[in-house]
C-alpha atoms as a PDB file:
ATOM      1  CA  MET A   1      18.019  10.278   8.136  1.00  0.00           C
ATOM      2  CA  LYS A   2      14.292   9.581   8.197  1.00  0.00           C
ATOM      3  CA  ALA A   3      13.494  12.892   6.472  1.00  0.00           C
ATOM      4  CA  LYS A   4      15.960  12.104   3.664  1.00  0.00           C
ATOM      5  CA  TYR A   5      14.461   8.620   3.252  1.00  0.00           C
ATOM      6  CA  ASN A   6      10.903  10.005   3.107  1.00  0.00           C
ATOM      7  CA  LYS A   7      12.021  12.661   0.597  1.00  0.00           C
ATOM      8  CA  LYS A   8      13.492   9.962  -1.676  1.00  0.00           C
ATOM      9  CA  ILE A   9      10.276   7.934  -1.502  1.00  0.00           C
ATOM     10  CA  PHE A  10       8.252  11.061  -2.301  1.00  0.00           C
ATOM     11  CA  LEU A  11      10.467  11.851  -5.310  1.00  0.00           C
ATOM     12  CA  VAL A  12      10.105   8.290  -6.610  1.00  0.00           C
ATOM     13  CA  ALA A  13       6.308   8.524  -6.248  1.00  0.00           C
ATOM     14  CA  ILE A  14       6.249  11.840  -8.137  1.00  0.00           C
ATOM     15  CA  THR A  15       8.423  10.329 -10.885  1.00  0.00           C
ATOM     16  CA  ILE A  16       6.097   7.329 -11.241  1.00  0.00           C
ATOM     17  CA  ALA A  17       3.060   9.648 -11.400  1.00  0.00           C
ATOM     18  CA  TYR A  18       4.787  11.747 -14.085  1.00  0.00           C
ATOM     19  CA  ILE A  19       5.598   8.652 -16.173  1.00  0.00           C
ATOM     20  CA  ILE A  20       1.997   7.453 -15.920  1.00  0.00           C
ATOM     21  CA  PHE A  21       0.778  10.934 -16.921  1.00  0.00           C
ATOM     22  CA  GLN A  22       3.112  11.007 -19.943  1.00  0.00           C
ATOM     23  CA  ALA A  23       2.012   7.512 -20.986  1.00  0.00           C
ATOM     24  CA  THR A  24      -1.590   8.730 -20.807  1.00  0.00           C
ATOM     25  CA  LEU A  25      -0.800  11.590 -23.184  1.00  0.00           C
ATOM     26  CA  VAL A  26       1.084   9.370 -25.639  1.00  0.00           C
ATOM     27  CA  CYS A  27      -1.532   6.614 -25.647  1.00  0.00           C
ATOM     28  CA  ALA A  28      -4.675   8.767 -25.739  1.00  0.00           C
ATOM     29  CA  GLN A  29      -6.260   6.393 -28.259  1.00  0.00           C
ATOM     30  CA  GLU A  30      -6.111   3.485 -25.775  1.00  0.00           C
ATOM     31  CA  LEU A  31      -9.088   2.563 -23.595  1.00  0.00           C
ATOM     32  CA  PHE A  32      -8.413   3.495 -19.969  1.00  0.00           C
ATOM     33  CA  PHE A  33     -11.245   2.252 -17.746  1.00  0.00           C
ATOM     34  CA  THR A  34     -11.543   3.707 -14.251  1.00  0.00           C
ATOM     35  CA  TYR A  35     -12.947   1.746 -11.305  1.00  0.00           C
ATOM     36  CA  ILE A  36     -13.634   2.917  -7.728  1.00  0.00           C
ATOM     37  CA  GLY A  37     -14.588   0.862  -4.703  1.00  0.00           C
ATOM     38  CA  GLY A  38     -13.806  -0.296  -1.196  1.00  0.00           C
ATOM     39  CA  ILE A  39     -10.850  -2.248   0.146  1.00  0.00           C
ATOM     40  CA  ALA A  40     -10.152  -4.145   3.383  1.00  0.00           C
ATOM     41  CA  GLN A  41      -6.849  -5.630   4.467  1.00  0.00           C
ATOM     42  CA  GLY A  42      -5.249  -7.415   7.360  1.00  0.00           C
ATOM     43  CA  GLY A  43      -2.120  -9.271   8.321  1.00  0.00           C
ATOM     44  CA  THR A  44       0.848  -9.308  10.667  1.00  0.00           C
ATOM     45  CA  ASN A  45       3.717  -6.928  11.279  1.00  0.00           C
ATOM     46  CA  SER A  46       7.201  -7.159  12.723  1.00  0.00           C
ATOM     47  CA  ILE A  47       8.744  -3.933  14.013  1.00  0.00           C
ATOM     48  CA  ASN A  48      12.426  -3.348  14.798  1.00  0.00           C
ATOM     49  CA  TYR A  49      12.283  -0.435  17.230  1.00  0.00           C
ATOM     50  CA  GLU A  50      15.408   1.575  18.087  1.00  0.00           C
ATOM     51  CA  SER A  51      15.383   4.388  20.657  1.00  0.00           C
ATOM     52  CA  TRP A  52      16.021   5.333  24.259  1.00  0.00           C
ATOM     53  CA  ILE A  53      14.512   2.718  26.591  1.00  0.00           C
ATOM     54  CA  ASN A  54      14.799   3.182  30.376  1.00  0.00           C
ATOM     55  CA  ASN A  55      17.463   5.896  29.971  1.00  0.00           C
ATOM     56  CA  GLN A  56      19.662   3.856  27.639  1.00  0.00           C
ATOM     57  CA  GLN A  57      19.845   3.264  23.908  1.00  0.00           C
ATOM     58  CA  GLY A  58      18.229  -0.037  23.021  1.00  0.00           C
ATOM     59  CA  LYS A  59      16.399  -2.166  20.484  1.00  0.00           C
ATOM     60  CA  VAL A  60      13.062  -3.944  20.753  1.00  0.00           C
ATOM     61  CA  LYS A  61      11.482  -6.424  18.356  1.00  0.00           C
ATOM     62  CA  SER A  62       7.701  -6.286  18.328  1.00  0.00           C
ATOM     63  CA  LYS A  63       5.156  -8.462  16.589  1.00  0.00           C
ATOM     64  CA  GLY A  64       1.476  -7.750  16.151  1.00  0.00           C
ATOM     65  CA  THR A  65      -1.465  -7.579  13.820  1.00  0.00           C
ATOM     66  CA  VAL A  66      -2.534  -4.947  11.329  1.00  0.00           C
ATOM     67  CA  TYR A  67      -5.982  -4.353   9.857  1.00  0.00           C
ATOM     68  CA  GLY A  68      -7.975  -1.612   8.201  1.00  0.00           C
ATOM     69  CA  GLY A  69     -10.017  -0.484   5.240  1.00  0.00           C
ATOM     70  CA  GLY A  70     -10.771   2.391   2.939  1.00  0.00           C
ATOM     71  CA  ILE A  71     -11.201   3.335  -0.710  1.00  0.00           C
ATOM     72  CA  VAL A  72      -9.369   2.222  -3.855  1.00  0.00           C
ATOM     73  CA  THR A  73      -9.196   3.605  -7.401  1.00  0.00           C
ATOM     74  CA  THR A  74      -7.919   1.438 -10.257  1.00  0.00           C
ATOM     75  CA  ILE A  75      -7.243   2.280 -13.901  1.00  0.00           C
ATOM     76  CA  PHE A  76      -7.107  -0.688 -16.305  1.00  0.00           C
ATOM     77  CA  VAL A  77      -5.331  -0.613 -19.685  1.00  0.00           C
ATOM     78  CA  HIS A  78      -5.249  -4.015 -21.399  1.00  0.00           C
ATOM     79  CA  GLN A  79      -3.362  -6.308 -18.968  1.00  0.00           C
ATOM     80  CA  PHE A  80      -1.944  -3.457 -16.868  1.00  0.00           C
ATOM     81  CA  ALA A  81      -3.460  -1.616 -13.936  1.00  0.00           C
ATOM     82  CA  GLY A  82      -2.524   1.402 -11.858  1.00  0.00           C
ATOM     83  CA  GLU A  83      -3.964   1.401  -8.353  1.00  0.00           C
ATOM     84  CA  PHE A  84      -4.226   4.025  -5.620  1.00  0.00           C
ATOM     85  CA  SER A  85      -5.712   3.276  -2.205  1.00  0.00           C
ATOM     86  CA  LEU A  86      -6.302   5.370   0.897  1.00  0.00           C
ATOM     87  CA  THR A  87      -7.011   3.346   4.036  1.00  0.00           C
ATOM     88  CA  TYR A  88      -7.017   3.763   7.801  1.00  0.00           C
ATOM     89  CA  MET A  89      -4.767   1.128   9.399  1.00  0.00           C
ATOM     90  CA  GLN A  90      -4.501  -0.041  13.002  1.00  0.00           C
ATOM     91  CA  TYR A  91      -1.240  -1.662  14.196  1.00  0.00           C
ATOM     92  CA  SER A  92      -1.061  -3.665  17.422  1.00  0.00           C
ATOM     93  CA  SER A  93       2.093  -4.403  19.421  1.00  0.00           C
ATOM     94  CA  ASN A  94       3.153  -7.078  21.916  1.00  0.00           C
ATOM     95  CA  SER A  95       6.172  -5.188  23.274  1.00  0.00           C
ATOM     96  CA  THR A  96       7.175  -2.678  25.913  1.00  0.00           C
ATOM     97  CA  PRO A  97       7.164   0.156  24.997  1.00  0.00           C
ATOM     98  CA  ASP A  98       3.769  -0.204  23.372  1.00  0.00           C
ATOM     99  CA  LEU A  99       4.109   0.478  19.627  1.00  0.00           C
ATOM    100  CA  SER A 100       0.405   0.313  18.824  1.00  0.00           C
ATOM    101  CA  VAL A 101      -0.705   3.075  16.462  1.00  0.00           C
ATOM    102  CA  GLY A 102      -3.474   3.879  13.995  1.00  0.00           C
ATOM    103  CA  HIS A 103      -3.032   6.171  10.992  1.00  0.00           C
ATOM    104  CA  PRO A 104      -4.069   6.717   7.354  1.00  0.00           C
ATOM    105  CA  LEU A 105      -2.040   4.893   4.711  1.00  0.00           C
ATOM    106  CA  ALA A 106      -1.671   5.822   1.032  1.00  0.00           C
ATOM    107  CA  THR A 107      -0.506   3.159  -1.408  1.00  0.00           C
ATOM    108  CA  VAL A 108       0.229   3.329  -5.129  1.00  0.00           C
ATOM    109  CA  LYS A 109       0.838   0.178  -7.196  1.00  0.00           C
ATOM    110  CA  GLY A 110       1.465  -0.843 -10.753  1.00  0.00           C
ATOM    111  CA  LYS A 111       0.116  -4.300 -11.655  1.00  0.00           C
ATOM    112  CA  TYR A 112       0.375  -6.743 -14.535  1.00  0.00           C
ATOM    113  CA  PHE A 113      -2.287  -9.443 -15.013  1.00  0.00           C
ATOM    114  CA  TYR A 114      -1.697 -12.551 -17.112  1.00  0.00           C
ATOM    115  CA  PRO A 115      -4.674 -13.102 -19.498  1.00  0.00           C
ATOM    116  CA  LEU A 116      -5.577 -16.596 -18.275  1.00  0.00           C
ATOM    117  CA  SER A 117      -9.335 -16.285 -18.842  1.00  0.00           C
ATOM    118  CA  ASN A 118     -12.093 -13.690 -19.040  1.00  0.00           C
ATOM    119  CA  VAL A 119     -13.067 -14.337 -15.410  1.00  0.00           C
ATOM    120  CA  TYR A 120      -9.771 -14.934 -13.556  1.00  0.00           C
ATOM    121  CA  GLN A 121      -6.366 -13.368 -14.146  1.00  0.00           C
ATOM    122  CA  PRO A 122      -3.336 -13.855 -11.862  1.00  0.00           C
ATOM    123  CA  GLY A 123      -0.756 -11.107 -11.636  1.00  0.00           C
ATOM    124  CA  ILE A 124       2.028  -9.330  -9.806  1.00  0.00           C
ATOM    125  CA  GLY A 125       2.245  -5.811  -8.426  1.00  0.00           C
ATOM    126  CA  LEU A 126       4.959  -3.418  -7.253  1.00  0.00           C
ATOM    127  CA  GLY A 127       4.407  -0.195  -5.400  1.00  0.00           C
ATOM    128  CA  LEU A 128       5.111   2.307  -2.667  1.00  0.00           C
ATOM    129  CA  TYR A 129       3.335   3.233   0.545  1.00  0.00           C
ATOM    130  CA  LEU A 130       3.298   6.346   2.719  1.00  0.00           C
ATOM    131  CA  ASP A 131       2.048   6.625   6.310  1.00  0.00           C
ATOM    132  CA  LEU A 132       0.006   9.814   6.722  1.00  0.00           C
ATOM    133  CA  PRO A 133      -1.111  11.961   9.667  1.00  0.00           C
ATOM    134  CA  PRO A 134      -3.016  12.166  11.905  1.00  0.00           C
ATOM    135  CA  ALA A 135      -1.969   9.224  14.062  1.00  0.00           C
ATOM    136  CA  SER A 136      -3.494   7.883  17.261  1.00  0.00           C
ATOM    137  CA  ALA A 137      -0.108   8.071  19.039  1.00  0.00           C
ATOM    138  CA  ASP A 138       3.158  10.013  18.716  1.00  0.00           C
ATOM    139  CA  TYR A 139       4.177   8.876  15.244  1.00  0.00           C
ATOM    140  CA  ASN A 140       6.548  10.546  12.778  1.00  0.00           C
ATOM    141  CA  GLY A 141       5.302   8.755   9.673  1.00  0.00           C
ATOM    142  CA  GLY A 142       6.964   6.188   7.480  1.00  0.00           C
ATOM    143  CA  ALA A 143       7.351   5.048   3.910  1.00  0.00           C
ATOM    144  CA  GLY A 144       8.536   2.031   1.966  1.00  0.00           C
ATOM    145  CA  ALA A 145       7.973  -0.412  -0.857  1.00  0.00           C
ATOM    146  CA  ASN A 146       5.625  -3.341  -1.374  1.00  0.00           C
ATOM    147  CA  ILE A 147       5.200  -6.334  -3.642  1.00  0.00           C
ATOM    148  CA  SER A 148       2.040  -8.354  -4.152  1.00  0.00           C
ATOM    149  CA  PHE A 149       0.798 -11.482  -5.845  1.00  0.00           C
ATOM    150  CA  CYS A 150      -2.549 -10.467  -7.277  1.00  0.00           C
ATOM    151  CA  SER A 151      -5.767 -12.044  -8.476  1.00  0.00           C
ATOM    152  CA  LEU A 152      -8.340 -10.246 -10.618  1.00  0.00           C
ATOM    153  CA  PHE A 153     -11.869 -11.648 -10.805  1.00  0.00           C
ATOM    154  CA  THR A 154     -14.231 -10.087 -13.356  1.00  0.00           C
ATOM    155  CA  LEU A 155     -17.712 -10.535 -11.904  1.00  0.00           C
ATOM    156  CA  SER A 156     -19.450  -8.540 -14.662  1.00  0.00           C
ATOM    157  CA  SER A 157     -18.628  -5.841 -17.200  1.00  0.00           C
ATOM    158  CA  GLU A 158     -19.012  -3.304 -14.369  1.00  0.00           C
ATOM    159  CA  ILE A 159     -17.639  -5.052 -11.255  1.00  0.00           C
ATOM    160  CA  LYS A 160     -14.217  -6.545 -10.489  1.00  0.00           C
ATOM    161  CA  THR A 161     -12.708  -8.076  -7.367  1.00  0.00           C
ATOM    162  CA  LEU A 162      -9.021  -7.600  -6.539  1.00  0.00           C
ATOM    163  CA  ILE A 163      -7.254  -9.914  -4.090  1.00  0.00           C
ATOM    164  CA  ASP A 164      -3.609  -9.258  -3.164  1.00  0.00           C
ATOM    165  CA  ILE A 165      -1.254 -11.273  -0.986  1.00  0.00           C
ATOM    166  CA  TYR A 166       1.279  -8.596  -0.131  1.00  0.00           C
ATOM    167  CA  ALA A 167       4.527  -7.916   1.696  1.00  0.00           C
ATOM    168  CA  GLN A 168       6.032  -4.538   2.447  1.00  0.00           C
ATOM    169  CA  TYR A 169       9.113  -3.113   4.094  1.00  0.00           C
ATOM    170  CA  GLY A 170       9.963   0.403   5.188  1.00  0.00           C
ATOM    171  CA  SER A 171      10.508   2.868   7.984  1.00  0.00           C
ATOM    172  CA  PHE A 172       8.432   2.962  11.167  1.00  0.00           C
ATOM    173  CA  GLY A 173       7.690   6.365  12.672  1.00  0.00           C
ATOM    174  CA  MET A 174       8.540   5.717  16.317  1.00  0.00           C
ATOM    175  CA  GLY A 175      12.029   5.810  17.751  1.00  0.00           C
ATOM    176  CA  GLU A 176      15.177   6.325  15.699  1.00  0.00           C
ATOM    177  CA  SER A 177      15.765   4.410  12.437  1.00  0.00           C
ATOM    178  CA  SER A 178      12.983   1.951  13.290  1.00  0.00           C
ATOM    179  CA  THR A 179      11.758  -0.336  10.506  1.00  0.00           C
ATOM    180  CA  LYS A 180       8.811  -2.632   9.900  1.00  0.00           C
ATOM    181  CA  ILE A 181       8.024  -5.667   7.796  1.00  0.00           C
ATOM    182  CA  GLU A 182       4.369  -6.372   7.074  1.00  0.00           C
ATOM    183  CA  GLY A 183       2.547  -9.148   5.262  1.00  0.00           C
ATOM    184  CA  GLY A 184      -1.088  -9.925   4.697  1.00  0.00           C
ATOM    185  CA  ILE A 185      -4.013  -9.987   2.336  1.00  0.00           C
ATOM    186  CA  SER A 186      -6.164  -7.228   0.870  1.00  0.00           C
ATOM    187  CA  VAL A 187      -9.535  -7.589  -0.836  1.00  0.00           C
ATOM    188  CA  GLY A 188     -11.126  -4.870  -2.929  1.00  0.00           C
ATOM    189  CA  VAL A 189     -14.368  -4.677  -4.877  1.00  0.00           C
ATOM    190  CA  VAL A 190     -14.454  -1.976  -7.551  1.00  0.00           C
ATOM    191  CA  TYR A 191     -17.167  -0.602  -9.825  1.00  0.00           C
ATOM    192  CA  LYS A 192     -16.573   0.918 -13.272  1.00  0.00           C
ATOM    193  CA  VAL A 193     -17.253   4.639 -13.217  1.00  0.00           C
ATOM    194  CA  GLY A 194     -16.121   5.503 -16.734  1.00  0.00           C
ATOM    195  CA  ARG A 195     -13.293   5.977 -19.151  1.00  0.00           C
ATOM    196  CA  LEU A 196     -10.315   8.202 -18.418  1.00  0.00           C
END
């Protein structure tokens, strides 16, 4: 079940990448500006764990915190942005069994920013995430979708700040058919490295 779910998420991600690639070919005359920088995020998570517990099938609800950081790449075209981030995330757990785990996380998002001013633009983003190996504990990986309310601050012609209040839902790679809901905030600072 989990393998089929991860395969569907992977196929959706490949389809989105293909559409973005085709749009790049069609709109070659447009200005695509590429930015790279760092990102940090943190929040809370709620895990619905299902598996064998003390020799019987059971369910556990766990709450904890999540935090991490890494790199982010963003491509801006007019009021739209495509974003890819690769972070290392640490999840804590308040339950028995202990569901704490750390692992890399890849996220891809498409964003739209409303042109409110030259300095500040609010927006919305939709995307997918994929938990990657290696993990600090026995973890089978996970995948899911996210939504974010975004803010874009243009500090100069070269530097932008991205702030997202996000929520995401998907599979959790411990147990059988376990899921997680996560919410928090991410802050990224990116520097223009050129035109795509």
